[in-house]
Amino acid sequence: MVCTTALLCNNAWNDNLLAEYQGAMAVTAEPSTIKNNKCETCQAFISKNSQRLQSSSQDDVQRVLSNVIEFRDLAHENYNYNFEMV
């Protein structure tokens, strides 16, 4: 019931996130990729996403952030509505 309340069940968006997460977890950092206590895999991830953010328009960034806020608000509203069942 908690999953349904949090909009996690039967949700394509969540299914995609889980697939991405599982793919990311399948990639493990080899000992050779860790230098000076810094993981190159993490640095590559941050670098790639930093470049994506900098190359995005302000409207695109606002749209994505708006979607995140909207999802959070919907989840909160659904939680409040179903509080007694949770």
PDB file of N, CA and C in Angstrom:
ATOM      1  N   MET A   1       0.811  -1.192   0.000  1.00  0.00           N
ATOM      2  CA  MET A   1       0.000   0.000   0.000  1.00  0.00           C
ATOM      3  C   MET A   1       0.858   1.261   0.000  1.00  0.00           C
ATOM      4  N   VAL A   2       1.968   1.207   0.680  1.00  0.00           N
ATOM      5  CA  VAL A   2       2.849   2.372   0.715  1.00  0.00           C
ATOM      6  C   VAL A   2       3.355   2.696  -0.685  1.00  0.00           C
ATOM      7  N   CYS A   3       3.685   1.667  -1.459  1.00  0.00           N
ATOM      8  CA  CYS A   3       4.173   1.899  -2.815  1.00  0.00           C
ATOM      9  C   CYS A   3       3.110   2.593  -3.661  1.00  0.00           C
ATOM     10  N   THR A   4       1.859   2.165  -3.528  1.00  0.00           N
ATOM     11  CA  THR A   4       0.777   2.780  -4.284  1.00  0.00           C
ATOM     12  C   THR A   4       0.596   4.229  -3.861  1.00  0.00           C
ATOM     13  N   THR A   5       0.662   4.471  -2.572  1.00  0.00           N
ATOM     14  CA  THR A   5       0.497   5.828  -2.060  1.00  0.00           C
ATOM     15  C   THR A   5       1.607   6.736  -2.562  1.00  0.00           C
ATOM     16  N   ALA A   6       2.795   6.214  -2.672  1.00  0.00           N
ATOM     17  CA  ALA A   6       3.934   7.007  -3.134  1.00  0.00           C
ATOM     18  C   ALA A   6       4.039   7.015  -4.655  1.00  0.00           C
ATOM     19  N   LEU A   7       3.032   6.486  -5.347  1.00  0.00           N
ATOM     20  CA  LEU A   7       2.988   6.442  -6.820  1.00  0.00           C
ATOM     21  C   LEU A   7       4.126   5.617  -7.403  1.00  0.00           C
ATOM     22  N   LEU A   8       4.540   4.561  -6.700  1.00  0.00           N
ATOM     23  CA  LEU A   8       5.650   3.756  -7.179  1.00  0.00           C
ATOM     24  C   LEU A   8       5.195   2.505  -7.921  1.00  0.00           C
ATOM     25  N   CYS A   9       3.956   2.097  -7.741  1.00  0.00           N
ATOM     26  CA  CYS A   9       3.466   0.892  -8.401  1.00  0.00           C
ATOM     27  C   CYS A   9       2.887   1.237  -9.773  1.00  0.00           C
ATOM     28  N   ASN A  10       3.135   0.359 -10.729  1.00  0.00           N
ATOM     29  CA  ASN A  10       2.577   0.523 -12.073  1.00  0.00           C
ATOM     30  C   ASN A  10       2.842   1.922 -12.626  1.00  0.00           C
ATOM     31  N   ASN A  11       4.067   2.351 -12.498  1.00  0.00           N
ATOM     32  CA  ASN A  11       4.438   3.695 -12.909  1.00  0.00           C
ATOM     33  C   ASN A  11       5.613   3.592 -13.863  1.00  0.00           C
ATOM     34  N   ALA A  12       5.415   3.969 -15.115  1.00  0.00           N
ATOM     35  CA  ALA A  12       6.467   3.854 -16.125  1.00  0.00           C
ATOM     36  C   ALA A  12       7.689   4.685 -15.752  1.00  0.00           C
ATOM     37  N   TRP A  13       7.464   5.855 -15.182  1.00  0.00           N
ATOM     38  CA  TRP A  13       8.587   6.712 -14.792  1.00  0.00           C
ATOM     39  C   TRP A  13       9.451   5.998 -13.759  1.00  0.00           C
ATOM     40  N   ASN A  14       8.803   5.390 -12.763  1.00  0.00           N
ATOM     41  CA  ASN A  14       9.538   4.671 -11.737  1.00  0.00           C
ATOM     42  C   ASN A  14      10.237   3.444 -12.310  1.00  0.00           C
ATOM     43  N   ASP A  15       9.569   2.737 -13.215  1.00  0.00           N
ATOM     44  CA  ASP A  15      10.184   1.571 -13.844  1.00  0.00           C
ATOM     45  C   ASP A  15      11.468   1.957 -14.574  1.00  0.00           C
ATOM     46  N   ASN A  16      11.446   3.111 -15.256  1.00  0.00           N
ATOM     47  CA  ASN A  16      12.654   3.590 -15.941  1.00  0.00           C
ATOM     48  C   ASN A  16      13.755   3.922 -14.947  1.00  0.00           C
ATOM     49  N   LEU A  17      13.388   4.558 -13.834  1.00  0.00           N
ATOM     50  CA  LEU A  17      14.382   4.878 -12.818  1.00  0.00           C
ATOM     51  C   LEU A  17      15.005   3.612 -12.246  1.00  0.00           C
ATOM     52  N   LEU A  18      14.171   2.612 -11.990  1.00  0.00           N
ATOM     53  CA  LEU A  18      14.695   1.345 -11.463  1.00  0.00           C
ATOM     54  C   LEU A  18      15.634   0.682 -12.463  1.00  0.00           C
ATOM     55  N   ALA A  19      15.284   0.726 -13.736  1.00  0.00           N
ATOM     56  CA  ALA A  19      16.143   0.127 -14.759  1.00  0.00           C
ATOM     57  C   ALA A  19      17.486   0.855 -14.822  1.00  0.00           C
ATOM     58  N   GLU A  20      17.446   2.195 -14.753  1.00  0.00           N
ATOM     59  CA  GLU A  20      18.690   2.970 -14.753  1.00  0.00           C
ATOM     60  C   GLU A  20      19.526   2.644 -13.520  1.00  0.00           C
ATOM     61  N   TYR A  21      18.860   2.554 -12.370  1.00  0.00           N
ATOM     62  CA  TYR A  21      19.563   2.264 -11.128  1.00  0.00           C
ATOM     63  C   TYR A  21      20.218   0.884 -11.192  1.00  0.00           C
ATOM     64  N   GLN A  22      19.464  -0.100 -11.661  1.00  0.00           N
ATOM     65  CA  GLN A  22      20.005  -1.447 -11.753  1.00  0.00           C
ATOM     66  C   GLN A  22      21.170  -1.499 -12.733  1.00  0.00           C
ATOM     67  N   GLY A  23      21.072  -0.735 -13.825  1.00  0.00           N
ATOM     68  CA  GLY A  23      22.181  -0.667 -14.773  1.00  0.00           C
ATOM     69  C   GLY A  23      23.403  -0.027 -14.157  1.00  0.00           C
ATOM     70  N   ALA A  24      23.168   1.025 -13.377  1.00  0.00           N
ATOM     71  CA  ALA A  24      24.288   1.704 -12.718  1.00  0.00           C
ATOM     72  C   ALA A  24      24.922   0.807 -11.663  1.00  0.00           C
ATOM     73  N   MET A  25      24.105   0.032 -10.978  1.00  0.00           N
ATOM     74  CA  MET A  25      24.634  -0.857  -9.948  1.00  0.00           C
ATOM     75  C   MET A  25      25.414  -2.017 -10.566  1.00  0.00           C
ATOM     76  N   ALA A  26      25.079  -2.365 -11.815  1.00  0.00           N
ATOM     77  CA  ALA A  26      25.778  -3.458 -12.478  1.00  0.00           C
ATOM     78  C   ALA A  26      27.207  -3.063 -12.845  1.00  0.00           C
ATOM     79  N   VAL A  27      27.401  -1.754 -13.010  1.00  0.00           N
ATOM     80  CA  VAL A  27      28.742  -1.251 -13.330  1.00  0.00           C
ATOM     81  C   VAL A  27      29.476  -1.036 -12.019  1.00  0.00           C
ATOM     82  N   THR A  28      30.520  -1.775 -11.807  1.00  0.00           N
ATOM     83  CA  THR A  28      31.287  -1.622 -10.572  1.00  0.00           C
ATOM     84  C   THR A  28      32.631  -0.998 -10.895  1.00  0.00           C
ATOM     85  N   ALA A  29      33.107  -0.228  -9.980  1.00  0.00           N
ATOM     86  CA  ALA A  29      34.394   0.422 -10.175  1.00  0.00           C
ATOM     87  C   ALA A  29      35.507  -0.595  -9.945  1.00  0.00           C
ATOM     88  N   GLU A  30      36.331  -0.756 -10.930  1.00  0.00           N
ATOM     89  CA  GLU A  30      37.490  -1.636 -10.801  1.00  0.00           C
ATOM     90  C   GLU A  30      38.535  -0.934  -9.928  1.00  0.00           C
ATOM     91  N   PRO A  31      39.355  -1.685  -9.211  1.00  0.00           N
ATOM     92  CA  PRO A  31      40.385  -1.047  -8.383  1.00  0.00           C
ATOM     93  C   PRO A  31      41.272  -0.100  -9.186  1.00  0.00           C
ATOM     94  N   SER A  32      41.465  -0.387 -10.458  1.00  0.00           N
ATOM     95  CA  SER A  32      42.330   0.472 -11.269  1.00  0.00           C
ATOM     96  C   SER A  32      41.685   1.815 -11.587  1.00  0.00           C
ATOM     97  N   THR A  33      40.354   1.943 -11.403  1.00  0.00           N
ATOM     98  CA  THR A  33      39.699   3.209 -11.705  1.00  0.00           C
ATOM     99  C   THR A  33      39.700   4.157 -10.509  1.00  0.00           C
ATOM    100  N   ILE A  34      40.158   3.683  -9.373  1.00  0.00           N
ATOM    101  CA  ILE A  34      40.188   4.527  -8.189  1.00  0.00           C
ATOM    102  C   ILE A  34      41.614   5.038  -7.999  1.00  0.00           C
ATOM    103  N   LYS A  35      41.742   6.344  -8.151  1.00  0.00           N
ATOM    104  CA  LYS A  35      43.051   6.968  -8.017  1.00  0.00           C
ATOM    105  C   LYS A  35      42.933   8.136  -7.043  1.00  0.00           C
ATOM    106  N   ASN A  36      43.881   8.244  -6.175  1.00  0.00           N
ATOM    107  CA  ASN A  36      43.914   9.342  -5.199  1.00  0.00           C
ATOM    108  C   ASN A  36      42.595   9.450  -4.429  1.00  0.00           C
ATOM    109  N   ASN A  37      42.015   8.296  -4.062  1.00  0.00           N
ATOM    110  CA  ASN A  37      40.767   8.246  -3.302  1.00  0.00           C
ATOM    111  C   ASN A  37      39.591   8.896  -4.028  1.00  0.00           C
ATOM    112  N   LYS A  38      39.659   9.005  -5.351  1.00  0.00           N
ATOM    113  CA  LYS A  38      38.564   9.564  -6.128  1.00  0.00           C
ATOM    114  C   LYS A  38      38.152   8.547  -7.181  1.00  0.00           C
ATOM    115  N   CYS A  39      36.900   8.269  -7.238  1.00  0.00           N
ATOM    116  CA  CYS A  39      36.381   7.280  -8.174  1.00  0.00           C
ATOM    117  C   CYS A  39      36.182   7.930  -9.544  1.00  0.00           C
ATOM    118  N   GLU A  40      36.854   7.426 -10.547  1.00  0.00           N
ATOM    119  CA  GLU A  40      36.743   7.992 -11.888  1.00  0.00           C
ATOM    120  C   GLU A  40      35.343   7.802 -12.469  1.00  0.00           C
ATOM    121  N   THR A  41      34.666   6.735 -12.061  1.00  0.00           N
ATOM    122  CA  THR A  41      33.300   6.517 -12.533  1.00  0.00           C
ATOM    123  C   THR A  41      32.405   7.652 -12.050  1.00  0.00           C
ATOM    124  N   CYS A  42      32.553   8.025 -10.783  1.00  0.00           N
ATOM    125  CA  CYS A  42      31.762   9.121 -10.227  1.00  0.00           C
ATOM    126  C   CYS A  42      32.118  10.443 -10.905  1.00  0.00           C
ATOM    127  N   GLN A  43      33.384  10.663 -11.112  1.00  0.00           N
ATOM    128  CA  GLN A  43      33.819  11.893 -11.762  1.00  0.00           C
ATOM    129  C   GLN A  43      33.271  11.981 -13.178  1.00  0.00           C
ATOM    130  N   ALA A  44      33.255  10.864 -13.898  1.00  0.00           N
ATOM    131  CA  ALA A  44      32.718  10.849 -15.260  1.00  0.00           C
ATOM    132  C   ALA A  44      31.225  11.158 -15.243  1.00  0.00           C
ATOM    133  N   PHE A  45      30.508  10.601 -14.278  1.00  0.00           N
ATOM    134  CA  PHE A  45      29.069  10.854 -14.148  1.00  0.00           C
ATOM    135  C   PHE A  45      28.815  12.341 -13.893  1.00  0.00           C
ATOM    136  N   ILE A  46      29.545  12.898 -12.942  1.00  0.00           N
ATOM    137  CA  ILE A  46      29.368  14.312 -12.603  1.00  0.00           C
ATOM    138  C   ILE A  46      29.737  15.195 -13.799  1.00  0.00           C
ATOM    139  N   SER A  47      30.824  14.876 -14.465  1.00  0.00           N
ATOM    140  CA  SER A  47      31.260  15.663 -15.612  1.00  0.00           C
ATOM    141  C   SER A  47      30.210  15.642 -16.723  1.00  0.00           C
ATOM    142  N   LYS A  48      29.700  14.459 -17.026  1.00  0.00           N
ATOM    143  CA  LYS A  48      28.700  14.316 -18.094  1.00  0.00           C
ATOM    144  C   LYS A  48      27.447  15.118 -17.765  1.00  0.00           C
ATOM    145  N   ASN A  49      26.959  14.994 -16.522  1.00  0.00           N
ATOM    146  CA  ASN A  49      25.731  15.685 -16.157  1.00  0.00           C
ATOM    147  C   ASN A  49      25.934  17.183 -15.990  1.00  0.00           C
ATOM    148  N   SER A  50      27.119  17.574 -15.600  1.00  0.00           N
ATOM    149  CA  SER A  50      27.430  18.999 -15.532  1.00  0.00           C
ATOM    150  C   SER A  50      27.396  19.612 -16.929  1.00  0.00           C
ATOM    151  N   GLN A  51      27.974  18.910 -17.891  1.00  0.00           N
ATOM    152  CA  GLN A  51      27.949  19.387 -19.274  1.00  0.00           C
ATOM    153  C   GLN A  51      26.517  19.446 -19.813  1.00  0.00           C
ATOM    154  N   ARG A  52      25.719  18.421 -19.473  1.00  0.00           N
ATOM    155  CA  ARG A  52      24.314  18.416 -19.906  1.00  0.00           C
ATOM    156  C   ARG A  52      23.572  19.618 -19.345  1.00  0.00           C
ATOM    157  N   LEU A  53      23.807  19.907 -18.081  1.00  0.00           N
ATOM    158  CA  LEU A  53      23.133  21.027 -17.441  1.00  0.00           C
ATOM    159  C   LEU A  53      23.556  22.350 -18.077  1.00  0.00           C
ATOM    160  N   GLN A  54      24.850  22.501 -18.309  1.00  0.00           N
ATOM    161  CA  GLN A  54      25.349  23.751 -18.885  1.00  0.00           C
ATOM    162  C   GLN A  54      24.910  23.941 -20.331  1.00  0.00           C
ATOM    163  N   SER A  55      24.687  22.854 -21.052  1.00  0.00           N
ATOM    164  CA  SER A  55      24.262  22.975 -22.448  1.00  0.00           C
ATOM    165  C   SER A  55      22.748  23.055 -22.594  1.00  0.00           C
ATOM    166  N   SER A  56      22.023  22.892 -21.494  1.00  0.00           N
ATOM    167  CA  SER A  56      20.565  22.980 -21.528  1.00  0.00           C
ATOM    168  C   SER A  56      20.125  24.425 -21.438  1.00  0.00           C
ATOM    169  N   SER A  57      18.991  24.684 -22.044  1.00  0.00           N
ATOM    170  CA  SER A  57      18.447  26.038 -21.941  1.00  0.00           C
ATOM    171  C   SER A  57      17.815  26.222 -20.566  1.00  0.00           C
ATOM    172  N   GLN A  58      17.628  27.457 -20.195  1.00  0.00           N
ATOM    173  CA  GLN A  58      17.014  27.751 -18.903  1.00  0.00           C
ATOM    174  C   GLN A  58      15.593  27.182 -18.869  1.00  0.00           C
ATOM    175  N   ASP A  59      14.887  27.241 -19.996  1.00  0.00           N
ATOM    176  CA  ASP A  59      13.531  26.698 -20.054  1.00  0.00           C
ATOM    177  C   ASP A  59      13.528  25.188 -19.801  1.00  0.00           C
ATOM    178  N   ASP A  60      14.513  24.470 -20.369  1.00  0.00           N
ATOM    179  CA  ASP A  60      14.595  23.024 -20.153  1.00  0.00           C
ATOM    180  C   ASP A  60      14.845  22.707 -18.688  1.00  0.00           C
ATOM    181  N   VAL A  61      15.749  23.435 -18.069  1.00  0.00           N
ATOM    182  CA  VAL A  61      16.060  23.201 -16.653  1.00  0.00           C
ATOM    183  C   VAL A  61      14.833  23.500 -15.795  1.00  0.00           C
ATOM    184  N   GLN A  62      14.144  24.591 -16.093  1.00  0.00           N
ATOM    185  CA  GLN A  62      12.948  24.943 -15.338  1.00  0.00           C
ATOM    186  C   GLN A  62      11.860  23.883 -15.524  1.00  0.00           C
ATOM    187  N   ARG A  63      11.722  23.350 -16.736  1.00  0.00           N
ATOM    188  CA  ARG A  63      10.724  22.323 -17.008  1.00  0.00           C
ATOM    189  C   ARG A  63      11.007  21.066 -16.183  1.00  0.00           C
ATOM    190  N   VAL A  64      12.268  20.640 -16.158  1.00  0.00           N
ATOM    191  CA  VAL A  64      12.632  19.441 -15.405  1.00  0.00           C
ATOM    192  C   VAL A  64      12.405  19.649 -13.912  1.00  0.00           C
ATOM    193  N   LEU A  65      12.848  20.781 -13.402  1.00  0.00           N
ATOM    194  CA  LEU A  65      12.661  21.061 -11.975  1.00  0.00           C
ATOM    195  C   LEU A  65      11.172  21.175 -11.623  1.00  0.00           C
ATOM    196  N   SER A  66      10.403  21.755 -12.526  1.00  0.00           N
ATOM    197  CA  SER A  66       8.963  21.855 -12.316  1.00  0.00           C
ATOM    198  C   SER A  66       8.328  20.477 -12.250  1.00  0.00           C
ATOM    199  N   ASN A  67       8.773  19.563 -13.112  1.00  0.00           N
ATOM    200  CA  ASN A  67       8.247  18.198 -13.090  1.00  0.00           C
ATOM    201  C   ASN A  67       8.583  17.493 -11.785  1.00  0.00           C
ATOM    202  N   VAL A  68       9.798  17.710 -11.283  1.00  0.00           N
ATOM    203  CA  VAL A  68      10.201  17.100 -10.019  1.00  0.00           C
ATOM    204  C   VAL A  68       9.332  17.629  -8.885  1.00  0.00           C
ATOM    205  N   ILE A  69       9.128  18.931  -8.860  1.00  0.00           N
ATOM    206  CA  ILE A  69       8.314  19.537  -7.805  1.00  0.00           C
ATOM    207  C   ILE A  69       6.867  19.061  -7.914  1.00  0.00           C
ATOM    208  N   GLU A  70       6.356  18.986  -9.137  1.00  0.00           N
ATOM    209  CA  GLU A  70       4.984  18.523  -9.334  1.00  0.00           C
ATOM    210  C   GLU A  70       4.825  17.079  -8.843  1.00  0.00           C
ATOM    211  N   PHE A  71       5.799  16.217  -9.165  1.00  0.00           N
ATOM    212  CA  PHE A  71       5.735  14.831  -8.712  1.00  0.00           C
ATOM    213  C   PHE A  71       5.757  14.764  -7.193  1.00  0.00           C
ATOM    214  N   ARG A  72       6.621  15.561  -6.573  1.00  0.00           N
ATOM    215  CA  ARG A  72       6.697  15.578  -5.117  1.00  0.00           C
ATOM    216  C   ARG A  72       5.376  16.024  -4.515  1.00  0.00           C
ATOM    217  N   ASP A  73       4.782  17.063  -5.093  1.00  0.00           N
ATOM    218  CA  ASP A  73       3.503  17.566  -4.574  1.00  0.00           C
ATOM    219  C   ASP A  73       2.397  16.531  -4.724  1.00  0.00           C
ATOM    220  N   LEU A  74       2.359  15.840  -5.863  1.00  0.00           N
ATOM    221  CA  LEU A  74       1.351  14.808  -6.073  1.00  0.00           C
ATOM    222  C   LEU A  74       1.533  13.650  -5.093  1.00  0.00           C
ATOM    223  N   ALA A  75       2.774  13.260  -4.874  1.00  0.00           N
ATOM    224  CA  ALA A  75       3.038  12.179  -3.928  1.00  0.00           C
ATOM    225  C   ALA A  75       2.619  12.592  -2.523  1.00  0.00           C
ATOM    226  N   HIS A  76       2.903  13.827  -2.155  1.00  0.00           N
ATOM    227  CA  HIS A  76       2.533  14.324  -0.835  1.00  0.00           C
ATOM    228  C   HIS A  76       1.012  14.377  -0.694  1.00  0.00           C
ATOM    229  N   GLU A  77       0.350  14.849  -1.717  1.00  0.00           N
ATOM    230  CA  GLU A  77      -1.115  14.922  -1.695  1.00  0.00           C
ATOM    231  C   GLU A  77      -1.725  13.520  -1.591  1.00  0.00           C
ATOM    232  N   ASN A  78      -1.184  12.584  -2.343  1.00  0.00           N
ATOM    233  CA  ASN A  78      -1.670  11.209  -2.306  1.00  0.00           C
ATOM    234  C   ASN A  78      -1.428  10.597  -0.930  1.00  0.00           C
ATOM    235  N   TYR A  79      -0.288  10.877  -0.355  1.00  0.00           N
ATOM    236  CA  TYR A  79       0.027  10.391   0.999  1.00  0.00           C
ATOM    237  C   TYR A  79      -0.977  10.946   2.005  1.00  0.00           C
ATOM    238  N   ASN A  80      -1.243  12.236   1.951  1.00  0.00           N
ATOM    239  CA  ASN A  80      -2.187  12.841   2.889  1.00  0.00           C
ATOM    240  C   ASN A  80      -3.572  12.251   2.721  1.00  0.00           C
ATOM    241  N   TYR A  81      -3.970  11.998   1.490  1.00  0.00           N
ATOM    242  CA  TYR A  81      -5.290  11.442   1.216  1.00  0.00           C
ATOM    243  C   TYR A  81      -5.424  10.031   1.779  1.00  0.00           C
ATOM    244  N   ASN A  82      -4.350   9.258   1.686  1.00  0.00           N
ATOM    245  CA  ASN A  82      -4.369   7.859   2.113  1.00  0.00           C
ATOM    246  C   ASN A  82      -3.668   7.640   3.457  1.00  0.00           C
ATOM    247  N   PHE A  83      -3.501   8.683   4.232  1.00  0.00           N
ATOM    248  CA  PHE A  83      -2.722   8.596   5.478  1.00  0.00           C
ATOM    249  C   PHE A  83      -3.221   7.493   6.404  1.00  0.00           C
ATOM    250  N   GLU A  84      -4.514   7.358   6.555  1.00  0.00           N
ATOM    251  CA  GLU A  84      -5.071   6.366   7.472  1.00  0.00           C
ATOM    252  C   GLU A  84      -4.727   4.942   7.025  1.00  0.00           C
ATOM    253  N   MET A  85      -4.615   4.724   5.715  1.00  0.00           N
ATOM    254  CA  MET A  85      -4.292   3.387   5.207  1.00  0.00           C
ATOM    255  C   MET A  85      -2.805   3.078   5.311  1.00  0.00           C
ATOM    256  N   VAL A  86      -1.978   4.109   5.366  1.00  0.00           N
ATOM    257  CA  VAL A  86      -0.536   3.911   5.442  1.00  0.00           C
ATOM    258  C   VAL A  86      -0.196   3.522   6.845  1.00  0.00           C
TER     259      VAL A  86
END
